[in-house]
Amino acid sequence: MTEAPAENAFELPFQTACALSETGELALEDYARVLAEASGAEALRSRSDPALVRGVRLYAAKATLTETLARDIEGFAHGLAQGRTGGGLGWS
């Protein structure tokens, strides 16, 4: 986990980037925001390949940002990419 440029924002980099649709990206952001009790979340696209998401930026997270939480969020993203979550909408 690395501190992001914005105040009260933290980046959770993925160990492996994954391809997500726009719908999947929205589901990932919503999932990460809820899990981290954050005011917002933003999927981070790869600069070299914009089809790939390389992590998530969380804003004003209230939850402790642990490795377990980071791996949970990454696992959700990879599940979306592999079609295991039905597109991600309605995950809650």
PDB file of N, CA and C in Angstrom:
ATOM      1  N   MET A   1       0.839  -1.173   0.000  1.00  0.00           N
ATOM      2  CA  MET A   1       0.000   0.000   0.000  1.00  0.00           C
ATOM      3  C   MET A   1       0.888   1.242   0.000  1.00  0.00           C
ATOM      4  N   THR A   2       0.614   2.137  -0.882  1.00  0.00           N
ATOM      5  CA  THR A   2       1.406   3.345  -0.980  1.00  0.00           C
ATOM      6  C   THR A   2       0.499   4.559  -0.898  1.00  0.00           C
ATOM      7  N   GLU A   3       1.023   5.598  -0.311  1.00  0.00           N
ATOM      8  CA  GLU A   3       0.237   6.828  -0.213  1.00  0.00           C
ATOM      9  C   GLU A   3       0.118   7.454  -1.596  1.00  0.00           C
ATOM     10  N   ALA A   4      -1.071   7.886  -1.918  1.00  0.00           N
ATOM     11  CA  ALA A   4      -1.341   8.519  -3.212  1.00  0.00           C
ATOM     12  C   ALA A   4      -1.116  10.008  -3.095  1.00  0.00           C
ATOM     13  N   PRO A   5      -1.019  10.721  -4.206  1.00  0.00           N
ATOM     14  CA  PRO A   5      -0.775  12.162  -4.170  1.00  0.00           C
ATOM     15  C   PRO A   5      -1.851  12.963  -3.434  1.00  0.00           C
ATOM     16  N   ALA A   6      -3.105  12.569  -3.553  1.00  0.00           N
ATOM     17  CA  ALA A   6      -4.185  13.324  -2.913  1.00  0.00           C
ATOM     18  C   ALA A   6      -4.166  13.098  -1.407  1.00  0.00           C
ATOM     19  N   GLU A   7      -4.527  14.142  -0.670  1.00  0.00           N
ATOM     20  CA  GLU A   7      -4.597  14.040   0.784  1.00  0.00           C
ATOM     21  C   GLU A   7      -5.666  13.023   1.170  1.00  0.00           C
ATOM     22  N   ASN A   8      -5.390  12.207   2.177  1.00  0.00           N
ATOM     23  CA  ASN A   8      -6.307  11.173   2.664  1.00  0.00           C
ATOM     24  C   ASN A   8      -6.645  10.128   1.609  1.00  0.00           C
ATOM     25  N   ALA A   9      -5.767   9.909   0.666  1.00  0.00           N
ATOM     26  CA  ALA A   9      -5.978   8.888  -0.353  1.00  0.00           C
ATOM     27  C   ALA A   9      -4.830   7.887  -0.305  1.00  0.00           C
ATOM     28  N   PHE A  10      -5.175   6.616  -0.477  1.00  0.00           N
ATOM     29  CA  PHE A  10      -4.169   5.559  -0.487  1.00  0.00           C
ATOM     30  C   PHE A  10      -4.403   4.660  -1.678  1.00  0.00           C
ATOM     31  N   GLU A  11      -3.319   4.240  -2.294  1.00  0.00           N
ATOM     32  CA  GLU A  11      -3.399   3.305  -3.403  1.00  0.00           C
ATOM     33  C   GLU A  11      -3.177   1.893  -2.897  1.00  0.00           C
ATOM     34  N   LEU A  12      -4.036   0.984  -3.351  1.00  0.00           N
ATOM     35  CA  LEU A  12      -3.860  -0.436  -3.091  1.00  0.00           C
ATOM     36  C   LEU A  12      -3.477  -1.077  -4.425  1.00  0.00           C
ATOM     37  N   PRO A  13      -2.190  -1.259  -4.678  1.00  0.00           N
ATOM     38  CA  PRO A  13      -1.773  -1.853  -5.957  1.00  0.00           C
ATOM     39  C   PRO A  13      -2.072  -3.345  -5.985  1.00  0.00           C
ATOM     40  N   PHE A  14      -2.473  -3.846  -7.144  1.00  0.00           N
ATOM     41  CA  PHE A  14      -2.701  -5.273  -7.320  1.00  0.00           C
ATOM     42  C   PHE A  14      -1.373  -5.952  -7.618  1.00  0.00           C
ATOM     43  N   GLN A  15      -1.249  -7.193  -7.192  1.00  0.00           N
ATOM     44  CA  GLN A  15      -0.064  -7.972  -7.541  1.00  0.00           C
ATOM     45  C   GLN A  15      -0.053  -8.265  -9.034  1.00  0.00           C
ATOM     46  N   THR A  16      -1.251  -8.461  -9.608  1.00  0.00           N
ATOM     47  CA  THR A  16      -1.392  -8.735 -11.032  1.00  0.00           C
ATOM     48  C   THR A  16      -2.550  -7.907 -11.567  1.00  0.00           C
ATOM     49  N   ALA A  17      -2.293  -7.129 -12.596  1.00  0.00           N
ATOM     50  CA  ALA A  17      -3.359  -6.328 -13.211  1.00  0.00           C
ATOM     51  C   ALA A  17      -4.366  -7.251 -13.889  1.00  0.00           C
ATOM     52  N   CYS A  18      -5.601  -6.757 -14.068  1.00  0.00           N
ATOM     53  CA  CYS A  18      -6.632  -7.555 -14.727  1.00  0.00           C
ATOM     54  C   CYS A  18      -7.501  -6.673 -15.611  1.00  0.00           C
ATOM     55  N   ALA A  19      -8.053  -7.279 -16.653  1.00  0.00           N
ATOM     56  CA  ALA A  19      -8.899  -6.553 -17.598  1.00  0.00           C
ATOM     57  C   ALA A  19     -10.319  -6.477 -17.056  1.00  0.00           C
ATOM     58  N   LEU A  20     -10.863  -5.252 -16.996  1.00  0.00           N
ATOM     59  CA  LEU A  20     -12.234  -5.057 -16.528  1.00  0.00           C
ATOM     60  C   LEU A  20     -13.001  -4.175 -17.501  1.00  0.00           C
ATOM     61  N   SER A  21     -14.264  -4.491 -17.660  1.00  0.00           N
ATOM     62  CA  SER A  21     -15.160  -3.638 -18.435  1.00  0.00           C
ATOM     63  C   SER A  21     -15.493  -2.402 -17.595  1.00  0.00           C
ATOM     64  N   GLU A  22     -16.165  -1.455 -18.193  1.00  0.00           N
ATOM     65  CA  GLU A  22     -16.581  -0.268 -17.435  1.00  0.00           C
ATOM     66  C   GLU A  22     -17.533  -0.653 -16.308  1.00  0.00           C
ATOM     67  N   THR A  23     -18.424  -1.601 -16.571  1.00  0.00           N
ATOM     68  CA  THR A  23     -19.347  -2.077 -15.540  1.00  0.00           C
ATOM     69  C   THR A  23     -18.575  -2.753 -14.416  1.00  0.00           C
ATOM     70  N   GLY A  24     -17.596  -3.566 -14.777  1.00  0.00           N
ATOM     71  CA  GLY A  24     -16.757  -4.219 -13.780  1.00  0.00           C
ATOM     72  C   GLY A  24     -15.978  -3.214 -12.957  1.00  0.00           C
ATOM     73  N   GLU A  25     -15.492  -2.174 -13.612  1.00  0.00           N
ATOM     74  CA  GLU A  25     -14.761  -1.118 -12.909  1.00  0.00           C
ATOM     75  C   GLU A  25     -15.654  -0.442 -11.871  1.00  0.00           C
ATOM     76  N   LEU A  26     -16.883  -0.145 -12.242  1.00  0.00           N
ATOM     77  CA  LEU A  26     -17.820   0.477 -11.298  1.00  0.00           C
ATOM     78  C   LEU A  26     -18.112  -0.440 -10.117  1.00  0.00           C
ATOM     79  N   ALA A  27     -18.289  -1.732 -10.401  1.00  0.00           N
ATOM     80  CA  ALA A  27     -18.542  -2.697  -9.333  1.00  0.00           C
ATOM     81  C   ALA A  27     -17.336  -2.787  -8.393  1.00  0.00           C
ATOM     82  N   LEU A  28     -16.133  -2.812  -8.966  1.00  0.00           N
ATOM     83  CA  LEU A  28     -14.914  -2.855  -8.157  1.00  0.00           C
ATOM     84  C   LEU A  28     -14.814  -1.626  -7.264  1.00  0.00           C
ATOM     85  N   GLU A  29     -15.048  -0.458  -7.824  1.00  0.00           N
ATOM     86  CA  GLU A  29     -14.963   0.777  -7.037  1.00  0.00           C
ATOM     87  C   GLU A  29     -15.975   0.768  -5.897  1.00  0.00           C
ATOM     88  N   ASP A  30     -17.186   0.318  -6.174  1.00  0.00           N
ATOM     89  CA  ASP A  30     -18.220   0.261  -5.140  1.00  0.00           C
ATOM     90  C   ASP A  30     -17.838  -0.736  -4.052  1.00  0.00           C
ATOM     91  N   TYR A  31     -17.368  -1.906  -4.456  1.00  0.00           N
ATOM     92  CA  TYR A  31     -16.957  -2.949  -3.515  1.00  0.00           C
ATOM     93  C   TYR A  31     -15.825  -2.450  -2.614  1.00  0.00           C
ATOM     94  N   ALA A  32     -14.811  -1.863  -3.223  1.00  0.00           N
ATOM     95  CA  ALA A  32     -13.659  -1.365  -2.461  1.00  0.00           C
ATOM     96  C   ALA A  32     -14.080  -0.253  -1.505  1.00  0.00           C
ATOM     97  N   ARG A  33     -14.945   0.639  -1.964  1.00  0.00           N
ATOM     98  CA  ARG A  33     -15.416   1.747  -1.126  1.00  0.00           C
ATOM     99  C   ARG A  33     -16.137   1.223   0.109  1.00  0.00           C
ATOM    100  N   VAL A  34     -17.011   0.248  -0.082  1.00  0.00           N
ATOM    101  CA  VAL A  34     -17.772  -0.300   1.041  1.00  0.00           C
ATOM    102  C   VAL A  34     -16.858  -1.066   1.995  1.00  0.00           C
ATOM    103  N   LEU A  35     -15.993  -1.936   1.462  1.00  0.00           N
ATOM    104  CA  LEU A  35     -15.106  -2.728   2.315  1.00  0.00           C
ATOM    105  C   LEU A  35     -14.183  -1.851   3.156  1.00  0.00           C
ATOM    106  N   ALA A  36     -13.668  -0.783   2.548  1.00  0.00           N
ATOM    107  CA  ALA A  36     -12.719   0.084   3.244  1.00  0.00           C
ATOM    108  C   ALA A  36     -13.405   1.204   4.025  1.00  0.00           C
ATOM    109  N   GLU A  37     -14.739   1.228   3.955  1.00  0.00           N
ATOM    110  CA  GLU A  37     -15.486   2.310   4.599  1.00  0.00           C
ATOM    111  C   GLU A  37     -14.914   3.658   4.163  1.00  0.00           C
ATOM    112  N   ALA A  38     -14.739   3.799   2.864  1.00  0.00           N
ATOM    113  CA  ALA A  38     -14.119   4.988   2.286  1.00  0.00           C
ATOM    114  C   ALA A  38     -15.182   5.934   1.728  1.00  0.00           C
ATOM    115  N   SER A  39     -14.812   7.191   1.589  1.00  0.00           N
ATOM    116  CA  SER A  39     -15.740   8.153   0.994  1.00  0.00           C
ATOM    117  C   SER A  39     -15.796   7.991  -0.517  1.00  0.00           C
ATOM    118  N   GLY A  40     -14.781   7.360  -1.099  1.00  0.00           N
ATOM    119  CA  GLY A  40     -14.757   7.121  -2.535  1.00  0.00           C
ATOM    120  C   GLY A  40     -13.664   6.146  -2.898  1.00  0.00           C
ATOM    121  N   ALA A  41     -13.760   5.615  -4.106  1.00  0.00           N
ATOM    122  CA  ALA A  41     -12.746   4.694  -4.612  1.00  0.00           C
ATOM    123  C   ALA A  41     -12.638   4.897  -6.114  1.00  0.00           C
ATOM    124  N   GLU A  42     -11.436   4.676  -6.617  1.00  0.00           N
ATOM    125  CA  GLU A  42     -11.173   4.866  -8.041  1.00  0.00           C
ATOM    126  C   GLU A  42     -10.299   3.725  -8.535  1.00  0.00           C
ATOM    127  N   ALA A  43     -10.766   3.029  -9.558  1.00  0.00           N
ATOM    128  CA  ALA A  43      -9.943   1.991 -10.178  1.00  0.00           C
ATOM    129  C   ALA A  43      -8.776   2.667 -10.887  1.00  0.00           C
ATOM    130  N   LEU A  44      -7.606   2.081 -10.768  1.00  0.00           N
ATOM    131  CA  LEU A  44      -6.403   2.637 -11.384  1.00  0.00           C
ATOM    132  C   LEU A  44      -6.063   1.833 -12.625  1.00  0.00           C
ATOM    133  N   ARG A  45      -6.202   2.459 -13.769  1.00  0.00           N
ATOM    134  CA  ARG A  45      -5.900   1.816 -15.044  1.00  0.00           C
ATOM    135  C   ARG A  45      -4.394   1.860 -15.298  1.00  0.00           C
ATOM    136  N   SER A  46      -3.903   0.835 -15.958  1.00  0.00           N
ATOM    137  CA  SER A  46      -2.499   0.784 -16.353  1.00  0.00           C
ATOM    138  C   SER A  46      -2.218   1.853 -17.397  1.00  0.00           C
ATOM    139  N   ARG A  47      -1.112   2.545 -17.254  1.00  0.00           N
ATOM    140  CA  ARG A  47      -0.737   3.557 -18.250  1.00  0.00           C
ATOM    141  C   ARG A  47      -0.338   2.908 -19.573  1.00  0.00           C
ATOM    142  N   SER A  48       0.290   1.744 -19.500  1.00  0.00           N
ATOM    143  CA  SER A  48       0.755   1.076 -20.713  1.00  0.00           C
ATOM    144  C   SER A  48      -0.362   0.314 -21.432  1.00  0.00           C
ATOM    145  N   ASP A  49      -1.387  -0.099 -20.697  1.00  0.00           N
ATOM    146  CA  ASP A  49      -2.524  -0.806 -21.299  1.00  0.00           C
ATOM    147  C   ASP A  49      -3.792  -0.419 -20.543  1.00  0.00           C
ATOM    148  N   PRO A  50      -4.510   0.596 -21.007  1.00  0.00           N
ATOM    149  CA  PRO A  50      -5.694   1.096 -20.309  1.00  0.00           C
ATOM    150  C   PRO A  50      -6.815   0.071 -20.117  1.00  0.00           C
ATOM    151  N   ALA A  51      -6.742  -1.069 -20.787  1.00  0.00           N
ATOM    152  CA  ALA A  51      -7.747  -2.117 -20.580  1.00  0.00           C
ATOM    153  C   ALA A  51      -7.533  -2.819 -19.228  1.00  0.00           C
ATOM    154  N   LEU A  52      -6.341  -2.658 -18.663  1.00  0.00           N
ATOM    155  CA  LEU A  52      -6.000  -3.338 -17.410  1.00  0.00           C
ATOM    156  C   LEU A  52      -6.143  -2.416 -16.211  1.00  0.00           C
ATOM    157  N   VAL A  53      -6.691  -2.967 -15.129  1.00  0.00           N
ATOM    158  CA  VAL A  53      -6.765  -2.260 -13.850  1.00  0.00           C
ATOM    159  C   VAL A  53      -5.618  -2.774 -12.999  1.00  0.00           C
ATOM    160  N   ARG A  54      -4.815  -1.851 -12.464  1.00  0.00           N
ATOM    161  CA  ARG A  54      -3.616  -2.229 -11.707  1.00  0.00           C
ATOM    162  C   ARG A  54      -3.768  -2.026 -10.197  1.00  0.00           C
ATOM    163  N   GLY A  55      -4.929  -1.510  -9.762  1.00  0.00           N
ATOM    164  CA  GLY A  55      -5.158  -1.294  -8.342  1.00  0.00           C
ATOM    165  C   GLY A  55      -6.346  -0.375  -8.118  1.00  0.00           C
ATOM    166  N   VAL A  56      -6.487   0.051  -6.873  1.00  0.00           N
ATOM    167  CA  VAL A  56      -7.591   0.921  -6.474  1.00  0.00           C
ATOM    168  C   VAL A  56      -7.060   2.027  -5.580  1.00  0.00           C
ATOM    169  N   ARG A  57      -7.561   3.228  -5.783  1.00  0.00           N
ATOM    170  CA  ARG A  57      -7.253   4.344  -4.891  1.00  0.00           C
ATOM    171  C   ARG A  57      -8.475   4.563  -4.003  1.00  0.00           C
ATOM    172  N   LEU A  58      -8.247   4.596  -2.690  1.00  0.00           N
ATOM    173  CA  LEU A  58      -9.314   4.805  -1.714  1.00  0.00           C
ATOM    174  C   LEU A  58      -9.174   6.177  -1.093  1.00  0.00           C
ATOM    175  N   TYR A  59     -10.294   6.843  -0.908  1.00  0.00           N
ATOM    176  CA  TYR A  59     -10.309   8.178  -0.317  1.00  0.00           C
ATOM    177  C   TYR A  59     -10.947   8.134   1.063  1.00  0.00           C
ATOM    178  N   ALA A  60     -10.237   8.685   2.037  1.00  0.00           N
ATOM    179  CA  ALA A  60     -10.725   8.816   3.418  1.00  0.00           C
ATOM    180  C   ALA A  60     -11.276   7.496   3.958  1.00  0.00           C
ATOM    181  N   ALA A  61     -10.496   6.443   3.833  1.00  0.00           N
ATOM    182  CA  ALA A  61     -10.919   5.134   4.333  1.00  0.00           C
ATOM    183  C   ALA A  61     -10.926   5.129   5.855  1.00  0.00           C
ATOM    184  N   LYS A  62     -11.993   4.596   6.430  1.00  0.00           N
ATOM    185  CA  LYS A  62     -12.100   4.479   7.886  1.00  0.00           C
ATOM    186  C   LYS A  62     -11.603   3.124   8.374  1.00  0.00           C
ATOM    187  N   ALA A  63     -11.692   2.114   7.527  1.00  0.00           N
ATOM    188  CA  ALA A  63     -11.233   0.775   7.898  1.00  0.00           C
ATOM    189  C   ALA A  63      -9.703   0.736   7.860  1.00  0.00           C
ATOM    190  N   THR A  64      -9.140  -0.150   8.660  1.00  0.00           N
ATOM    191  CA  THR A  64      -7.699  -0.360   8.626  1.00  0.00           C
ATOM    192  C   THR A  64      -7.343  -1.018   7.301  1.00  0.00           C
ATOM    193  N   LEU A  65      -6.413  -0.414   6.580  1.00  0.00           N
ATOM    194  CA  LEU A  65      -6.030  -0.915   5.265  1.00  0.00           C
ATOM    195  C   LEU A  65      -4.959  -1.992   5.416  1.00  0.00           C
ATOM    196  N   THR A  66      -5.420  -3.216   5.578  1.00  0.00           N
ATOM    197  CA  THR A  66      -4.532  -4.356   5.787  1.00  0.00           C
ATOM    198  C   THR A  66      -4.252  -5.076   4.469  1.00  0.00           C
ATOM    199  N   GLU A  67      -3.258  -5.953   4.490  1.00  0.00           N
ATOM    200  CA  GLU A  67      -2.970  -6.790   3.329  1.00  0.00           C
ATOM    201  C   GLU A  67      -4.172  -7.685   3.023  1.00  0.00           C
ATOM    202  N   THR A  68      -4.848  -8.154   4.052  1.00  0.00           N
ATOM    203  CA  THR A  68      -6.022  -9.001   3.849  1.00  0.00           C
ATOM    204  C   THR A  68      -7.106  -8.249   3.091  1.00  0.00           C
ATOM    205  N   LEU A  69      -7.361  -7.015   3.475  1.00  0.00           N
ATOM    206  CA  LEU A  69      -8.351  -6.200   2.781  1.00  0.00           C
ATOM    207  C   LEU A  69      -7.921  -5.958   1.338  1.00  0.00           C
ATOM    208  N   ALA A  70      -6.654  -5.657   1.139  1.00  0.00           N
ATOM    209  CA  ALA A  70      -6.134  -5.409  -0.209  1.00  0.00           C
ATOM    210  C   ALA A  70      -6.283  -6.655  -1.086  1.00  0.00           C
ATOM    211  N   ARG A  71      -5.963  -7.826  -0.557  1.00  0.00           N
ATOM    212  CA  ARG A  71      -6.080  -9.062  -1.329  1.00  0.00           C
ATOM    213  C   ARG A  71      -7.544  -9.409  -1.594  1.00  0.00           C
ATOM    214  N   ASP A  72      -8.433  -9.081  -0.660  1.00  0.00           N
ATOM    215  CA  ASP A  72      -9.867  -9.301  -0.859  1.00  0.00           C
ATOM    216  C   ASP A  72     -10.365  -8.473  -2.044  1.00  0.00           C
ATOM    217  N   ILE A  73      -9.978  -7.207  -2.070  1.00  0.00           N
ATOM    218  CA  ILE A  73     -10.383  -6.315  -3.157  1.00  0.00           C
ATOM    219  C   ILE A  73      -9.793  -6.807  -4.483  1.00  0.00           C
ATOM    220  N   GLU A  74      -8.522  -7.196  -4.474  1.00  0.00           N
ATOM    221  CA  GLU A  74      -7.909  -7.710  -5.696  1.00  0.00           C
ATOM    222  C   GLU A  74      -8.591  -8.996  -6.146  1.00  0.00           C
ATOM    223  N   GLY A  75      -8.915  -9.858  -5.210  1.00  0.00           N
ATOM    224  CA  GLY A  75      -9.607 -11.101  -5.545  1.00  0.00           C
ATOM    225  C   GLY A  75     -10.961 -10.837  -6.192  1.00  0.00           C
ATOM    226  N   PHE A  76     -11.667  -9.834  -5.694  1.00  0.00           N
ATOM    227  CA  PHE A  76     -12.941  -9.453  -6.297  1.00  0.00           C
ATOM    228  C   PHE A  76     -12.724  -8.985  -7.733  1.00  0.00           C
ATOM    229  N   ALA A  77     -11.695  -8.167  -7.938  1.00  0.00           N
ATOM    230  CA  ALA A  77     -11.393  -7.671  -9.289  1.00  0.00           C
ATOM    231  C   ALA A  77     -11.096  -8.831 -10.236  1.00  0.00           C
ATOM    232  N   HIS A  78     -10.306  -9.785  -9.797  1.00  0.00           N
ATOM    233  CA  HIS A  78      -9.969 -10.927 -10.654  1.00  0.00           C
ATOM    234  C   HIS A  78     -11.198 -11.801 -10.897  1.00  0.00           C
ATOM    235  N   GLY A  79     -12.072 -11.897  -9.903  1.00  0.00           N
ATOM    236  CA  GLY A  79     -13.327 -12.621 -10.098  1.00  0.00           C
ATOM    237  C   GLY A  79     -14.189 -11.957 -11.160  1.00  0.00           C
ATOM    238  N   LEU A  80     -14.222 -10.629 -11.140  1.00  0.00           N
ATOM    239  CA  LEU A  80     -14.950  -9.892 -12.181  1.00  0.00           C
ATOM    240  C   LEU A  80     -14.350 -10.177 -13.553  1.00  0.00           C
ATOM    241  N   ALA A  81     -13.037 -10.133 -13.631  1.00  0.00           N
ATOM    242  CA  ALA A  81     -12.348 -10.337 -14.907  1.00  0.00           C
ATOM    243  C   ALA A  81     -12.598 -11.737 -15.461  1.00  0.00           C
ATOM    244  N   GLN A  82     -12.770 -12.706 -14.568  1.00  0.00           N
ATOM    245  CA  GLN A  82     -12.971 -14.094 -14.990  1.00  0.00           C
ATOM    246  C   GLN A  82     -14.440 -14.471 -15.081  1.00  0.00           C
ATOM    247  N   GLY A  83     -15.327 -13.498 -14.811  1.00  0.00           N
ATOM    248  CA  GLY A  83     -16.755 -13.746 -14.926  1.00  0.00           C
ATOM    249  C   GLY A  83     -17.363 -14.539 -13.777  1.00  0.00           C
ATOM    250  N   ARG A  84     -16.672 -14.617 -12.639  1.00  0.00           N
ATOM    251  CA  ARG A  84     -17.175 -15.390 -11.494  1.00  0.00           C
ATOM    252  C   ARG A  84     -18.191 -14.632 -10.662  1.00  0.00           C
ATOM    253  N   THR A  85     -18.338 -13.343 -10.874  1.00  0.00           N
ATOM    254  CA  THR A  85     -19.231 -12.553 -10.019  1.00  0.00           C
ATOM    255  C   THR A  85     -20.448 -12.043 -10.767  1.00  0.00           C
ATOM    256  N   GLY A  86     -20.723 -12.567 -11.927  1.00  0.00           N
ATOM    257  CA  GLY A  86     -21.896 -12.170 -12.686  1.00  0.00           C
ATOM    258  C   GLY A  86     -21.862 -10.712 -13.124  1.00  0.00           C
ATOM    259  N   GLY A  87     -20.689 -10.195 -13.383  1.00  0.00           N
ATOM    260  CA  GLY A  87     -20.564  -8.802 -13.800  1.00  0.00           C
ATOM    261  C   GLY A  87     -20.348  -7.851 -12.645  1.00  0.00           C
ATOM    262  N   GLY A  88     -20.583  -8.335 -11.439  1.00  0.00           N
ATOM    263  CA  GLY A  88     -20.290  -7.524 -10.259  1.00  0.00           C
ATOM    264  C   GLY A  88     -21.416  -6.701  -9.720  1.00  0.00           C
ATOM    265  N   LEU A  89     -22.375  -6.356 -10.542  1.00  0.00           N
ATOM    266  CA  LEU A  89     -23.471  -5.534 -10.044  1.00  0.00           C
ATOM    267  C   LEU A  89     -24.376  -6.415  -9.182  1.00  0.00           C
ATOM    268  N   GLY A  90     -24.762  -5.879  -8.048  1.00  0.00           N
ATOM    269  CA  GLY A  90     -25.570  -6.653  -7.116  1.00  0.00           C
ATOM    270  C   GLY A  90     -24.739  -7.556  -6.234  1.00  0.00           C
ATOM    271  N   TRP A  91     -23.434  -7.293  -6.126  1.00  0.00           N
ATOM    272  CA  TRP A  91     -22.522  -8.130  -5.325  1.00  0.00           C
ATOM    273  C   TRP A  91     -22.880  -8.126  -3.859  1.00  0.00           C
ATOM    274  N   SER A  92     -23.467  -7.031  -3.352  1.00  0.00           N
ATOM    275  CA  SER A  92     -23.716  -6.913  -1.910  1.00  0.00           C
ATOM    276  C   SER A  92     -24.808  -7.746  -1.460  1.00  0.00           C
TER     277      SER A  92
END
